[in-house]
């Protein structure tokens, strides 16, 4: 982005991807409300004040020793997901990209006894850890675990007549498949239901016009398209690596 400060009360920002798009934001000189920078110290404070059930802490600690542990959602992300499920009063949920099960377990713990969570993961090794913790937490009866490609699992649910029967979905799977996942989930989630997409800020790369690798470009395009999609209302939240909450209209 180009940023021009005219010395008054506004900074004009021009989007490099569309030079016709120019917006005004408050200048630092007369800014009325600042956005807090989440320093390591402040983030440590935040995590210290996020309630984390012991079983989730145990899973997080075990996962931290594994290769690829950065794929696990953070405790504050999991808390937000669980809160959204509770606010919705969700009964039927979907998760794409389970890894070792931290986020799916957080959701399962707040689902009612009759609730159902379809958990899709292609990596069998990490899925075994997730299943172990579902058992330890006593939520296995709520879980419908699908080992394989997420898109195939969604198509199976649709062909099984389950369209518009889910309340909530969380997407944390292959980034270049986000568009396809989203279209399939729109068929499965009811009106008023939520689809939450992870990694939409992609380590900050989406805001850097010099970064154009396939995953970054894919997420950047997805973010732009979903902002203009009239089928949903959205809120992009800077939690973790960025999450977009979509409510189906």
C-alpha atoms as a PDB file:
ATOM      1  CA  UNK A   1       0.000   0.000   0.000  1.00  0.00           C
ATOM      2  CA  UNK A   2       1.019   3.617  -0.574  1.00  0.00           C
ATOM      3  CA  UNK A   3       0.477   5.805   2.484  1.00  0.00           C
ATOM      4  CA  UNK A   4       0.368   9.582   2.160  1.00  0.00           C
ATOM      5  CA  UNK A   5       0.168  11.842   5.214  1.00  0.00           C
ATOM      6  CA  UNK A   6      -1.079  15.289   4.306  1.00  0.00           C
ATOM      7  CA  UNK A   7      -0.366  16.594   7.788  1.00  0.00           C
ATOM      8  CA  UNK A   8      -3.954  17.176   8.801  1.00  0.00           C
ATOM      9  CA  UNK A   9      -6.249  14.615  10.348  1.00  0.00           C
ATOM     10  CA  UNK A  10      -6.159  11.889   7.723  1.00  0.00           C
ATOM     11  CA  UNK A  11      -3.801   9.489   6.046  1.00  0.00           C
ATOM     12  CA  UNK A  12      -4.777   8.410   2.550  1.00  0.00           C
ATOM     13  CA  UNK A  13      -4.076   4.769   1.757  1.00  0.00           C
ATOM     14  CA  UNK A  14      -3.998   3.547  -1.831  1.00  0.00           C
ATOM     15  CA  UNK A  15      -4.244  -0.175  -2.480  1.00  0.00           C
ATOM     16  CA  UNK A  16      -1.471  -1.303  -4.808  1.00  0.00           C
ATOM     17  CA  UNK A  17      -3.725  -4.015  -6.174  1.00  0.00           C
ATOM     18  CA  UNK A  18      -6.379  -1.508  -7.240  1.00  0.00           C
ATOM     19  CA  UNK A  19      -5.031   2.021  -7.495  1.00  0.00           C
ATOM     20  CA  UNK A  20      -8.543   3.392  -7.785  1.00  0.00           C
ATOM     21  CA  UNK A  21      -9.360   2.258  -4.240  1.00  0.00           C
ATOM     22  CA  UNK A  22      -8.370   4.986  -1.799  1.00  0.00           C
ATOM     23  CA  UNK A  23      -9.562   5.244   1.787  1.00  0.00           C
ATOM     24  CA  UNK A  24      -8.954   7.684   4.600  1.00  0.00           C
ATOM     25  CA  UNK A  25      -7.911   6.696   8.104  1.00  0.00           C
ATOM     26  CA  UNK A  26      -7.012   8.859  11.102  1.00  0.00           C
ATOM     27  CA  UNK A  27      -3.440  10.190  11.114  1.00  0.00           C
ATOM     28  CA  UNK A  28      -1.067   9.402  13.974  1.00  0.00           C
ATOM     29  CA  UNK A  29      -0.930  13.123  14.700  1.00  0.00           C
ATOM     30  CA  UNK A  30      -4.608  13.303  15.614  1.00  0.00           C
ATOM     31  CA  UNK A  31      -5.575   9.664  16.000  1.00  0.00           C
ATOM     32  CA  UNK A  32      -8.593   9.296  18.260  1.00  0.00           C
ATOM     33  CA  UNK A  33      -8.194   5.606  18.996  1.00  0.00           C
ATOM     34  CA  UNK A  34      -5.117   3.466  18.557  1.00  0.00           C
ATOM     35  CA  UNK A  35      -4.968  -0.197  17.625  1.00  0.00           C
ATOM     36  CA  UNK A  36      -2.969  -2.087  20.231  1.00  0.00           C
ATOM     37  CA  UNK A  37       0.166  -3.841  19.030  1.00  0.00           C
ATOM     38  CA  UNK A  38       0.186  -7.353  20.449  1.00  0.00           C
ATOM     39  CA  UNK A  39       3.711  -7.581  21.859  1.00  0.00           C
ATOM     40  CA  UNK A  40       5.069 -10.896  23.207  1.00  0.00           C
ATOM     41  CA  UNK A  41       4.590  -9.578  26.740  1.00  0.00           C
ATOM     42  CA  UNK A  42       0.997  -8.554  26.085  1.00  0.00           C
ATOM     43  CA  UNK A  43       0.203 -11.824  24.313  1.00  0.00           C
ATOM     44  CA  UNK A  44       1.615 -13.776  27.262  1.00  0.00           C
ATOM     45  CA  UNK A  45      -0.725 -11.771  29.498  1.00  0.00           C
ATOM     46  CA  UNK A  46      -3.643 -12.553  27.187  1.00  0.00           C
ATOM     47  CA  UNK A  47      -2.918 -16.287  27.251  1.00  0.00           C
ATOM     48  CA  UNK A  48      -2.554 -16.200  31.035  1.00  0.00           C
ATOM     49  CA  UNK A  49      -6.126 -14.911  31.183  1.00  0.00           C
ATOM     50  CA  UNK A  50      -7.664 -17.391  28.721  1.00  0.00           C
ATOM     51  CA  UNK A  51      -9.439 -20.260  30.521  1.00  0.00           C
ATOM     52  CA  UNK A  52      -8.038 -23.550  29.235  1.00  0.00           C
ATOM     53  CA  UNK A  53      -9.468 -26.887  30.399  1.00  0.00           C
ATOM     54  CA  UNK A  54      -6.730 -29.241  31.680  1.00  0.00           C
ATOM     55  CA  UNK A  55      -7.367 -31.773  28.889  1.00  0.00           C
ATOM     56  CA  UNK A  56      -6.776 -29.075  26.259  1.00  0.00           C
ATOM     57  CA  UNK A  57      -3.609 -27.948  28.006  1.00  0.00           C
ATOM     58  CA  UNK A  58      -2.373 -31.538  28.054  1.00  0.00           C
ATOM     59  CA  UNK A  59      -3.052 -31.902  24.327  1.00  0.00           C
ATOM     60  CA  UNK A  60      -1.366 -28.588  23.540  1.00  0.00           C
ATOM     61  CA  UNK A  61       1.730 -29.581  25.490  1.00  0.00           C
ATOM     62  CA  UNK A  62       1.964 -32.961  23.770  1.00  0.00           C
ATOM     63  CA  UNK A  63       1.515 -31.367  20.351  1.00  0.00           C
ATOM     64  CA  UNK A  64       4.226 -28.779  21.060  1.00  0.00           C
ATOM     65  CA  UNK A  65       6.855 -31.537  20.869  1.00  0.00           C
ATOM     66  CA  UNK A  66       5.756 -32.640  17.385  1.00  0.00           C
ATOM     67  CA  UNK A  67       6.972 -31.500  13.955  1.00  0.00           C
ATOM     68  CA  UNK A  68       4.464 -29.049  12.522  1.00  0.00           C
ATOM     69  CA  UNK A  69       3.177 -28.011  15.948  1.00  0.00           C
ATOM     70  CA  UNK A  70       2.654 -24.484  14.603  1.00  0.00           C
ATOM     71  CA  UNK A  71      -0.433 -25.827  12.807  1.00  0.00           C
ATOM     72  CA  UNK A  72      -2.274 -26.086  16.113  1.00  0.00           C
ATOM     73  CA  UNK A  73      -4.634 -23.198  16.831  1.00  0.00           C
ATOM     74  CA  UNK A  74      -3.814 -21.011  19.812  1.00  0.00           C
ATOM     75  CA  UNK A  75      -5.801 -21.144  23.079  1.00  0.00           C
ATOM     76  CA  UNK A  76      -7.408 -17.760  22.401  1.00  0.00           C
ATOM     77  CA  UNK A  77      -8.565 -18.968  18.979  1.00  0.00           C
ATOM     78  CA  UNK A  78     -10.025 -22.139  20.465  1.00  0.00           C
ATOM     79  CA  UNK A  79     -11.787 -20.116  23.140  1.00  0.00           C
ATOM     80  CA  UNK A  80     -13.364 -17.904  20.469  1.00  0.00           C
ATOM     81  CA  UNK A  81     -14.541 -20.921  18.460  1.00  0.00           C
ATOM     82  CA  UNK A  82     -16.096 -22.516  21.537  1.00  0.00           C
ATOM     83  CA  UNK A  83     -17.798 -19.247  22.458  1.00  0.00           C
ATOM     84  CA  UNK A  84     -19.284 -18.871  18.960  1.00  0.00           C
ATOM     85  CA  UNK A  85     -20.645 -22.422  19.129  1.00  0.00           C
ATOM     86  CA  UNK A  86     -22.227 -21.688  22.499  1.00  0.00           C
ATOM     87  CA  UNK A  87     -23.737 -18.384  21.355  1.00  0.00           C
ATOM     88  CA  UNK A  88     -25.226 -20.126  18.314  1.00  0.00           C
ATOM     89  CA  UNK A  89     -26.581 -22.958  20.417  1.00  0.00           C
ATOM     90  CA  UNK A  90     -25.023 -25.180  17.765  1.00  0.00           C
ATOM     91  CA  UNK A  91     -25.878 -28.867  17.590  1.00  0.00           C
ATOM     92  CA  UNK A  92     -24.170 -29.894  14.338  1.00  0.00           C
ATOM     93  CA  UNK A  93     -20.675 -28.744  13.405  1.00  0.00           C
ATOM     94  CA  UNK A  94     -17.950 -29.434  10.847  1.00  0.00           C
ATOM     95  CA  UNK A  95     -14.187 -28.990  11.080  1.00  0.00           C
ATOM     96  CA  UNK A  96     -11.818 -29.206   8.120  1.00  0.00           C
ATOM     97  CA  UNK A  97      -8.213 -29.773   9.182  1.00  0.00           C
ATOM     98  CA  UNK A  98      -8.175 -31.406  12.610  1.00  0.00           C
ATOM     99  CA  UNK A  99      -4.408 -31.928  13.060  1.00  0.00           C
ATOM    100  CA  UNK A 100      -4.093 -33.286  16.642  1.00  0.00           C
ATOM    101  CA  UNK A 101      -7.560 -32.142  17.632  1.00  0.00           C
ATOM    102  CA  UNK A 102      -7.145 -29.020  19.777  1.00  0.00           C
ATOM    103  CA  UNK A 103      -9.827 -26.877  18.138  1.00  0.00           C
ATOM    104  CA  UNK A 104     -12.227 -29.771  17.524  1.00  0.00           C
ATOM    105  CA  UNK A 105     -11.905 -30.866  21.148  1.00  0.00           C
ATOM    106  CA  UNK A 106     -12.579 -27.309  22.341  1.00  0.00           C
ATOM    107  CA  UNK A 107     -15.777 -27.305  20.271  1.00  0.00           C
ATOM    108  CA  UNK A 108     -16.823 -30.825  21.291  1.00  0.00           C
ATOM    109  CA  UNK A 109     -16.481 -29.944  24.971  1.00  0.00           C
ATOM    110  CA  UNK A 110     -19.175 -27.269  24.678  1.00  0.00           C
ATOM    111  CA  UNK A 111     -21.537 -29.184  22.384  1.00  0.00           C
ATOM    112  CA  UNK A 112     -24.594 -30.727  24.039  1.00  0.00           C
ATOM    113  CA  UNK A 113     -24.583 -34.484  24.626  1.00  0.00           C
ATOM    114  CA  UNK A 114     -26.670 -34.933  21.489  1.00  0.00           C
ATOM    115  CA  UNK A 115     -24.321 -32.748  19.434  1.00  0.00           C
ATOM    116  CA  UNK A 116     -22.304 -33.930  16.442  1.00  0.00           C
ATOM    117  CA  UNK A 117     -18.985 -32.737  15.061  1.00  0.00           C
ATOM    118  CA  UNK A 118     -17.777 -34.008  11.688  1.00  0.00           C
ATOM    119  CA  UNK A 119     -13.974 -33.841  11.942  1.00  0.00           C
ATOM    120  CA  UNK A 120     -12.048 -34.155   8.649  1.00  0.00           C
ATOM    121  CA  UNK A 121      -8.298 -34.806   8.536  1.00  0.00           C
ATOM    122  CA  UNK A 122      -6.093 -36.386   5.872  1.00  0.00           C
ATOM    123  CA  UNK A 123      -3.093 -37.175   8.109  1.00  0.00           C
ATOM    124  CA  UNK A 124      -3.671 -40.466   9.888  1.00  0.00           C
ATOM    125  CA  UNK A 125      -0.852 -40.070  12.420  1.00  0.00           C
ATOM    126  CA  UNK A 126      -2.072 -36.771  13.851  1.00  0.00           C
ATOM    127  CA  UNK A 127      -5.649 -38.035  13.719  1.00  0.00           C
ATOM    128  CA  UNK A 128      -4.731 -40.883  16.082  1.00  0.00           C
ATOM    129  CA  UNK A 129      -3.652 -38.331  18.684  1.00  0.00           C
ATOM    130  CA  UNK A 130      -6.923 -36.451  18.219  1.00  0.00           C
ATOM    131  CA  UNK A 131      -8.921 -39.646  18.721  1.00  0.00           C
ATOM    132  CA  UNK A 132      -6.961 -40.433  21.889  1.00  0.00           C
ATOM    133  CA  UNK A 133      -7.899 -37.087  23.388  1.00  0.00           C
ATOM    134  CA  UNK A 134     -11.531 -37.363  22.324  1.00  0.00           C
ATOM    135  CA  UNK A 135     -11.594 -40.574  24.380  1.00  0.00           C
ATOM    136  CA  UNK A 136      -9.790 -39.018  27.343  1.00  0.00           C
ATOM    137  CA  UNK A 137     -12.195 -36.062  27.334  1.00  0.00           C
ATOM    138  CA  UNK A 138     -15.260 -38.291  27.056  1.00  0.00           C
ATOM    139  CA  UNK A 139     -16.537 -36.722  23.835  1.00  0.00           C
ATOM    140  CA  UNK A 140     -15.980 -39.559  21.338  1.00  0.00           C
ATOM    141  CA  UNK A 141     -19.727 -40.115  21.057  1.00  0.00           C
ATOM    142  CA  UNK A 142     -20.063 -36.597  19.618  1.00  0.00           C
ATOM    143  CA  UNK A 143     -17.368 -37.120  16.981  1.00  0.00           C
ATOM    144  CA  UNK A 144     -17.792 -38.276  13.385  1.00  0.00           C
ATOM    145  CA  UNK A 145     -14.159 -38.603  12.296  1.00  0.00           C
ATOM    146  CA  UNK A 146     -13.452 -38.636   8.543  1.00  0.00           C
ATOM    147  CA  UNK A 147      -9.935 -39.688   7.466  1.00  0.00           C
ATOM    148  CA  UNK A 148      -9.323 -38.374   3.966  1.00  0.00           C
ATOM    149  CA  UNK A 149      -9.662 -35.282   1.813  1.00  0.00           C
ATOM    150  CA  UNK A 150     -11.912 -32.590   3.246  1.00  0.00           C
ATOM    151  CA  UNK A 151     -13.633 -31.840  -0.064  1.00  0.00           C
ATOM    152  CA  UNK A 152     -14.561 -35.504  -0.476  1.00  0.00           C
ATOM    153  CA  UNK A 153     -16.064 -35.586   3.012  1.00  0.00           C
ATOM    154  CA  UNK A 154     -18.167 -32.487   2.311  1.00  0.00           C
ATOM    155  CA  UNK A 155     -19.416 -33.871  -0.993  1.00  0.00           C
ATOM    156  CA  UNK A 156     -20.372 -37.081   0.814  1.00  0.00           C
ATOM    157  CA  UNK A 157     -22.421 -35.137   3.367  1.00  0.00           C
ATOM    158  CA  UNK A 158     -24.221 -33.255   0.597  1.00  0.00           C
ATOM    159  CA  UNK A 159     -24.986 -36.431  -1.354  1.00  0.00           C
ATOM    160  CA  UNK A 160     -26.279 -37.935   1.895  1.00  0.00           C
ATOM    161  CA  UNK A 161     -29.004 -35.285   2.018  1.00  0.00           C
ATOM    162  CA  UNK A 162     -27.477 -33.152   4.789  1.00  0.00           C
ATOM    163  CA  UNK A 163     -27.666 -29.777   3.025  1.00  0.00           C
ATOM    164  CA  UNK A 164     -28.535 -26.803   5.254  1.00  0.00           C
ATOM    165  CA  UNK A 165     -28.432 -28.964   8.392  1.00  0.00           C
ATOM    166  CA  UNK A 166     -25.233 -27.702  10.046  1.00  0.00           C
ATOM    167  CA  UNK A 167     -24.918 -24.751  12.399  1.00  0.00           C
ATOM    168  CA  UNK A 168     -21.183 -24.129  12.414  1.00  0.00           C
ATOM    169  CA  UNK A 169     -18.058 -24.933  10.394  1.00  0.00           C
ATOM    170  CA  UNK A 170     -14.376 -24.218  10.967  1.00  0.00           C
ATOM    171  CA  UNK A 171     -11.879 -24.335   8.092  1.00  0.00           C
ATOM    172  CA  UNK A 172      -8.178 -24.868   8.800  1.00  0.00           C
ATOM    173  CA  UNK A 173      -7.184 -27.137   5.915  1.00  0.00           C
ATOM    174  CA  UNK A 174      -5.389 -26.718   2.548  1.00  0.00           C
ATOM    175  CA  UNK A 175      -5.273 -22.975   1.842  1.00  0.00           C
ATOM    176  CA  UNK A 176      -5.496 -23.229  -1.942  1.00  0.00           C
ATOM    177  CA  UNK A 177      -8.753 -25.146  -1.523  1.00  0.00           C
ATOM    178  CA  UNK A 178     -10.497 -22.439   0.511  1.00  0.00           C
ATOM    179  CA  UNK A 179     -12.751 -21.368  -2.347  1.00  0.00           C
ATOM    180  CA  UNK A 180     -13.994 -24.921  -2.959  1.00  0.00           C
ATOM    181  CA  UNK A 181     -14.436 -25.610   0.758  1.00  0.00           C
ATOM    182  CA  UNK A 182     -16.421 -22.409   1.145  1.00  0.00           C
ATOM    183  CA  UNK A 183     -18.788 -23.206  -1.713  1.00  0.00           C
ATOM    184  CA  UNK A 184     -19.429 -26.709  -0.364  1.00  0.00           C
ATOM    185  CA  UNK A 185     -19.953 -25.455   3.180  1.00  0.00           C
ATOM    186  CA  UNK A 186     -22.458 -22.866   1.982  1.00  0.00           C
ATOM    187  CA  UNK A 187     -24.573 -25.813   0.864  1.00  0.00           C
ATOM    188  CA  UNK A 188     -24.261 -27.566   4.220  1.00  0.00           C
ATOM    189  CA  UNK A 189     -24.626 -24.685   6.693  1.00  0.00           C
ATOM    190  CA  UNK A 190     -28.084 -23.336   7.480  1.00  0.00           C
ATOM    191  CA  UNK A 191     -29.142 -19.712   7.093  1.00  0.00           C
ATOM    192  CA  UNK A 192     -27.867 -17.890  10.174  1.00  0.00           C
ATOM    193  CA  UNK A 193     -25.098 -20.445  10.666  1.00  0.00           C
ATOM    194  CA  UNK A 194     -21.398 -19.616  10.784  1.00  0.00           C
ATOM    195  CA  UNK A 195     -18.392 -20.570   8.674  1.00  0.00           C
ATOM    196  CA  UNK A 196     -15.084 -19.571  10.292  1.00  0.00           C
ATOM    197  CA  UNK A 197     -11.955 -19.470   8.117  1.00  0.00           C
ATOM    198  CA  UNK A 198      -8.477 -19.623   9.691  1.00  0.00           C
ATOM    199  CA  UNK A 199      -5.157 -18.116   8.520  1.00  0.00           C
ATOM    200  CA  UNK A 200      -6.728 -15.275   6.551  1.00  0.00           C
ATOM    201  CA  UNK A 201      -3.868 -12.909   7.487  1.00  0.00           C
ATOM    202  CA  UNK A 202      -1.289 -15.578   6.581  1.00  0.00           C
ATOM    203  CA  UNK A 203       1.613 -14.356   8.746  1.00  0.00           C
ATOM    204  CA  UNK A 204       1.091 -10.853   7.339  1.00  0.00           C
ATOM    205  CA  UNK A 205       2.039 -11.937   3.817  1.00  0.00           C
ATOM    206  CA  UNK A 206      -1.371 -11.038   2.360  1.00  0.00           C
ATOM    207  CA  UNK A 207      -0.648  -7.345   2.999  1.00  0.00           C
ATOM    208  CA  UNK A 208       2.764  -7.398   1.302  1.00  0.00           C
ATOM    209  CA  UNK A 209       2.466  -6.764  -2.474  1.00  0.00           C
ATOM    210  CA  UNK A 210       5.954  -8.209  -2.983  1.00  0.00           C
ATOM    211  CA  UNK A 211       4.851 -11.646  -1.758  1.00  0.00           C
ATOM    212  CA  UNK A 212       3.130 -13.605  -4.518  1.00  0.00           C
ATOM    213  CA  UNK A 213       3.624 -17.300  -3.812  1.00  0.00           C
ATOM    214  CA  UNK A 214       0.622 -19.525  -4.708  1.00  0.00           C
ATOM    215  CA  UNK A 215      -0.752 -19.895  -1.160  1.00  0.00           C
ATOM    216  CA  UNK A 216      -0.510 -16.187  -0.381  1.00  0.00           C
ATOM    217  CA  UNK A 217      -2.150 -15.214  -3.669  1.00  0.00           C
ATOM    218  CA  UNK A 218      -4.894 -17.774  -3.086  1.00  0.00           C
ATOM    219  CA  UNK A 219      -5.698 -16.460   0.394  1.00  0.00           C
ATOM    220  CA  UNK A 220      -5.480 -12.848  -0.790  1.00  0.00           C
ATOM    221  CA  UNK A 221      -7.950 -13.554  -3.606  1.00  0.00           C
ATOM    222  CA  UNK A 222     -10.219 -15.482  -1.265  1.00  0.00           C
ATOM    223  CA  UNK A 223     -10.300 -12.569   1.191  1.00  0.00           C
ATOM    224  CA  UNK A 224     -11.170 -10.115  -1.569  1.00  0.00           C
ATOM    225  CA  UNK A 225     -13.899 -12.337  -3.021  1.00  0.00           C
ATOM    226  CA  UNK A 226     -15.540 -13.149   0.286  1.00  0.00           C
ATOM    227  CA  UNK A 227     -15.679  -9.454   1.184  1.00  0.00           C
ATOM    228  CA  UNK A 228     -17.870  -8.915  -1.887  1.00  0.00           C
ATOM    229  CA  UNK A 229     -19.965 -12.087  -1.473  1.00  0.00           C
ATOM    230  CA  UNK A 230     -23.597 -11.118  -0.852  1.00  0.00           C
ATOM    231  CA  UNK A 231     -24.443 -14.589   0.459  1.00  0.00           C
ATOM    232  CA  UNK A 232     -22.641 -13.919   3.736  1.00  0.00           C
ATOM    233  CA  UNK A 233     -21.886 -11.139   6.167  1.00  0.00           C
ATOM    234  CA  UNK A 234     -18.337 -11.243   7.494  1.00  0.00           C
ATOM    235  CA  UNK A 235     -16.007 -10.045  10.228  1.00  0.00           C
ATOM    236  CA  UNK A 236     -12.237 -10.461   9.883  1.00  0.00           C
ATOM    237  CA  UNK A 237     -10.744 -10.836  13.348  1.00  0.00           C
ATOM    238  CA  UNK A 238      -6.989 -10.467  14.077  1.00  0.00           C
ATOM    239  CA  UNK A 239      -6.867 -13.467  16.426  1.00  0.00           C
ATOM    240  CA  UNK A 240      -4.071 -15.979  15.912  1.00  0.00           C
ATOM    241  CA  UNK A 241      -3.148 -15.843  12.227  1.00  0.00           C
ATOM    242  CA  UNK A 242      -6.407 -14.087  11.413  1.00  0.00           C
ATOM    243  CA  UNK A 243      -9.906 -15.560  11.302  1.00  0.00           C
ATOM    244  CA  UNK A 244     -12.878 -14.528   9.168  1.00  0.00           C
ATOM    245  CA  UNK A 245     -16.288 -15.213  10.663  1.00  0.00           C
ATOM    246  CA  UNK A 246     -18.951 -15.600   7.964  1.00  0.00           C
ATOM    247  CA  UNK A 247     -22.659 -15.635   8.748  1.00  0.00           C
ATOM    248  CA  UNK A 248     -24.800 -17.194   6.030  1.00  0.00           C
ATOM    249  CA  UNK A 249     -27.602 -14.889   4.936  1.00  0.00           C
END
